[in-house]
N, C-alpha and C. Protein backbone atom coordinates (compact mmCIF):
# COMPACT_ATOMS: atom_id res chain seq x y z
N MET A 1 0.84 -1.18 0.00
CA MET A 1 0.00 0.00 0.00
C MET A 1 0.89 1.24 0.00
N SER A 2 0.56 2.19 -0.86
CA SER A 2 1.39 3.39 -0.95
C SER A 2 0.95 4.42 0.10
N ASN A 3 1.86 5.33 0.37
CA ASN A 3 1.59 6.35 1.38
C ASN A 3 1.08 7.65 0.77
N GLN A 4 0.63 7.61 -0.45
CA GLN A 4 0.14 8.81 -1.10
C GLN A 4 -1.27 9.13 -0.59
N PRO A 5 -1.52 10.40 -0.33
CA PRO A 5 -2.86 10.76 0.14
C PRO A 5 -3.90 10.60 -0.97
N ILE A 6 -5.07 10.25 -0.58
CA ILE A 6 -6.16 10.10 -1.53
C ILE A 6 -6.79 11.47 -1.74
N VAL A 7 -6.80 11.89 -2.99
CA VAL A 7 -7.36 13.20 -3.32
C VAL A 7 -8.68 12.97 -4.04
N LYS A 8 -9.74 13.42 -3.41
CA LYS A 8 -11.05 13.30 -4.05
C LYS A 8 -11.37 14.60 -4.76
N ARG A 9 -11.87 14.47 -5.96
CA ARG A 9 -12.30 15.65 -6.70
C ARG A 9 -13.65 16.08 -6.18
N LYS A 10 -13.75 17.34 -5.87
CA LYS A 10 -14.99 17.85 -5.32
C LYS A 10 -16.09 17.93 -6.37
N TRP A 11 -15.73 18.26 -7.60
CA TRP A 11 -16.70 18.44 -8.67
C TRP A 11 -16.37 17.48 -9.81
N ASN A 12 -17.37 16.94 -10.41
CA ASN A 12 -17.19 16.08 -11.56
C ASN A 12 -17.95 16.67 -12.75
N TRP A 13 -17.67 17.92 -13.04
CA TRP A 13 -18.36 18.66 -14.10
C TRP A 13 -17.63 18.48 -15.42
N PRO A 14 -18.34 18.56 -16.52
CA PRO A 14 -17.67 18.55 -17.82
C PRO A 14 -16.74 19.75 -17.97
N ARG A 15 -15.74 19.60 -18.75
CA ARG A 15 -14.73 20.65 -18.90
C ARG A 15 -15.31 21.95 -19.49
N ILE A 16 -16.32 21.83 -20.33
CA ILE A 16 -16.91 23.02 -20.97
C ILE A 16 -17.69 23.85 -19.96
N LEU A 17 -18.14 23.25 -18.87
CA LEU A 17 -18.91 23.98 -17.86
C LEU A 17 -18.04 24.52 -16.72
N ARG A 18 -16.75 24.59 -16.92
CA ARG A 18 -15.88 25.16 -15.90
C ARG A 18 -15.93 26.68 -15.96
N ARG A 19 -15.45 27.32 -14.94
CA ARG A 19 -15.61 28.75 -14.79
C ARG A 19 -14.82 29.57 -15.79
N GLY A 20 -13.60 29.21 -16.11
CA GLY A 20 -12.72 30.06 -16.90
C GLY A 20 -13.27 30.49 -18.24
N LEU A 21 -13.66 29.55 -19.07
CA LEU A 21 -14.13 29.86 -20.41
C LEU A 21 -15.46 30.62 -20.37
N LEU A 22 -16.38 30.17 -19.53
CA LEU A 22 -17.69 30.80 -19.50
C LEU A 22 -17.64 32.21 -18.91
N GLU A 23 -16.73 32.45 -17.96
CA GLU A 23 -16.56 33.81 -17.45
C GLU A 23 -16.04 34.74 -18.55
N ASN A 24 -15.12 34.25 -19.35
CA ASN A 24 -14.60 35.06 -20.44
C ASN A 24 -15.68 35.38 -21.47
N ILE A 25 -16.55 34.42 -21.74
CA ILE A 25 -17.66 34.67 -22.67
C ILE A 25 -18.61 35.70 -22.09
N ALA A 26 -18.89 35.62 -20.79
CA ALA A 26 -19.79 36.59 -20.16
C ALA A 26 -19.19 37.99 -20.19
N ILE A 27 -17.90 38.11 -19.94
CA ILE A 27 -17.25 39.41 -19.99
C ILE A 27 -17.26 39.96 -21.41
N ALA A 28 -17.08 39.08 -22.39
CA ALA A 28 -17.14 39.53 -23.79
C ALA A 28 -18.54 40.01 -24.16
N LEU A 29 -19.57 39.35 -23.63
CA LEU A 29 -20.93 39.80 -23.90
C LEU A 29 -21.20 41.18 -23.29
N ILE A 30 -20.69 41.41 -22.08
CA ILE A 30 -20.86 42.72 -21.46
C ILE A 30 -20.14 43.79 -22.27
N GLY A 31 -18.93 43.49 -22.71
CA GLY A 31 -18.19 44.45 -23.54
C GLY A 31 -18.85 44.69 -24.87
N LEU A 32 -19.39 43.63 -25.48
CA LEU A 32 -20.09 43.78 -26.75
C LEU A 32 -21.33 44.65 -26.59
N GLY A 33 -22.06 44.44 -25.50
CA GLY A 33 -23.23 45.27 -25.24
C GLY A 33 -22.86 46.73 -25.03
N PHE A 34 -21.74 46.97 -24.38
CA PHE A 34 -21.26 48.34 -24.18
C PHE A 34 -20.91 49.00 -25.51
N LEU A 35 -20.22 48.26 -26.36
CA LEU A 35 -19.89 48.81 -27.69
C LEU A 35 -21.14 49.04 -28.53
N MET A 36 -22.10 48.15 -28.43
CA MET A 36 -23.34 48.32 -29.16
C MET A 36 -24.10 49.56 -28.68
N LEU A 37 -23.98 49.87 -27.40
CA LEU A 37 -24.69 51.01 -26.84
C LEU A 37 -24.14 52.34 -27.34
N PHE A 38 -22.83 52.41 -27.54
CA PHE A 38 -22.20 53.68 -27.88
C PHE A 38 -21.77 53.80 -29.34
N GLN A 39 -22.31 52.98 -30.21
CA GLN A 39 -22.00 53.11 -31.63
C GLN A 39 -23.05 54.00 -32.28
N PRO A 40 -22.67 54.82 -33.25
CA PRO A 40 -23.63 55.76 -33.84
C PRO A 40 -24.23 55.30 -35.18
N PHE A 41 -24.06 54.03 -35.56
CA PHE A 41 -24.40 53.62 -36.93
C PHE A 41 -25.75 52.93 -37.07
N ALA A 42 -26.06 51.98 -36.23
CA ALA A 42 -27.26 51.16 -36.43
C ALA A 42 -28.17 51.21 -35.21
N LEU A 43 -29.42 51.52 -35.45
CA LEU A 43 -30.40 51.59 -34.37
C LEU A 43 -30.70 50.20 -33.82
N VAL A 44 -30.60 49.17 -34.66
CA VAL A 44 -30.86 47.80 -34.21
C VAL A 44 -29.84 47.39 -33.15
N LEU A 45 -28.58 47.72 -33.36
CA LEU A 45 -27.56 47.39 -32.37
C LEU A 45 -27.81 48.12 -31.06
N TYR A 46 -28.20 49.38 -31.16
CA TYR A 46 -28.51 50.17 -29.97
C TYR A 46 -29.71 49.57 -29.23
N THR A 47 -30.68 49.09 -29.98
CA THR A 47 -31.90 48.53 -29.38
C THR A 47 -31.58 47.29 -28.53
N TYR A 48 -30.70 46.43 -29.01
CA TYR A 48 -30.40 45.19 -28.31
C TYR A 48 -29.19 45.29 -27.39
N SER A 49 -28.62 46.45 -27.22
CA SER A 49 -27.42 46.58 -26.40
C SER A 49 -27.70 46.32 -24.92
N PHE A 50 -28.81 46.84 -24.40
CA PHE A 50 -29.11 46.65 -22.98
C PHE A 50 -29.39 45.18 -22.69
N ILE A 51 -30.11 44.51 -23.58
CA ILE A 51 -30.39 43.09 -23.38
C ILE A 51 -29.10 42.28 -23.41
N THR A 52 -28.18 42.64 -24.30
CA THR A 52 -26.89 41.94 -24.38
C THR A 52 -26.09 42.12 -23.10
N MET A 53 -26.04 43.34 -22.58
CA MET A 53 -25.31 43.57 -21.33
C MET A 53 -25.99 42.87 -20.16
N LEU A 54 -27.31 42.83 -20.15
CA LEU A 54 -28.04 42.18 -19.08
C LEU A 54 -27.79 40.67 -19.09
N VAL A 55 -27.81 40.06 -20.27
CA VAL A 55 -27.53 38.62 -20.37
C VAL A 55 -26.10 38.33 -19.93
N GLY A 56 -25.15 39.15 -20.35
CA GLY A 56 -23.77 38.95 -19.93
C GLY A 56 -23.59 39.10 -18.42
N THR A 57 -24.29 40.05 -17.82
CA THR A 57 -24.20 40.24 -16.38
C THR A 57 -24.79 39.06 -15.62
N PHE A 58 -25.98 38.62 -16.02
CA PHE A 58 -26.58 37.46 -15.36
C PHE A 58 -25.74 36.20 -15.57
N MET A 59 -25.18 36.06 -16.74
CA MET A 59 -24.33 34.91 -17.01
C MET A 59 -23.09 34.94 -16.13
N PHE A 60 -22.50 36.13 -15.96
CA PHE A 60 -21.33 36.24 -15.11
C PHE A 60 -21.66 35.91 -13.66
N ILE A 61 -22.81 36.38 -13.17
CA ILE A 61 -23.20 36.10 -11.79
C ILE A 61 -23.39 34.60 -11.58
N ILE A 62 -24.03 33.93 -12.52
CA ILE A 62 -24.28 32.49 -12.38
C ILE A 62 -22.99 31.70 -12.54
N VAL A 63 -22.19 32.04 -13.55
CA VAL A 63 -20.97 31.27 -13.86
C VAL A 63 -19.92 31.45 -12.77
N SER A 64 -19.93 32.57 -12.07
CA SER A 64 -18.92 32.78 -11.04
C SER A 64 -19.09 31.80 -9.87
N LYS A 65 -20.21 31.12 -9.80
CA LYS A 65 -20.43 30.10 -8.76
C LYS A 65 -19.95 28.73 -9.19
N PHE A 66 -19.59 28.55 -10.46
CA PHE A 66 -19.14 27.26 -10.97
C PHE A 66 -17.75 26.93 -10.44
N PRO A 67 -17.37 25.65 -10.41
CA PRO A 67 -16.01 25.29 -9.99
C PRO A 67 -14.99 25.64 -11.07
N GLU A 68 -13.74 25.78 -10.64
CA GLU A 68 -12.68 26.13 -11.60
C GLU A 68 -12.22 24.96 -12.40
């Protein structure tokens, strides 16, 4: 019997549902919504800018609870 400690993984989540990638996507959505809000070219982009920032913010709040 070896003397190595047994390390149990606390989370058994798929790699795609880890915090790092999804947090970056949420931050990109917030930044995209900000750029859409302050662009002077298309009214459609301005119209959906708040929804884009809101989705990114909610996504960031939820994803920040995920394991690393």
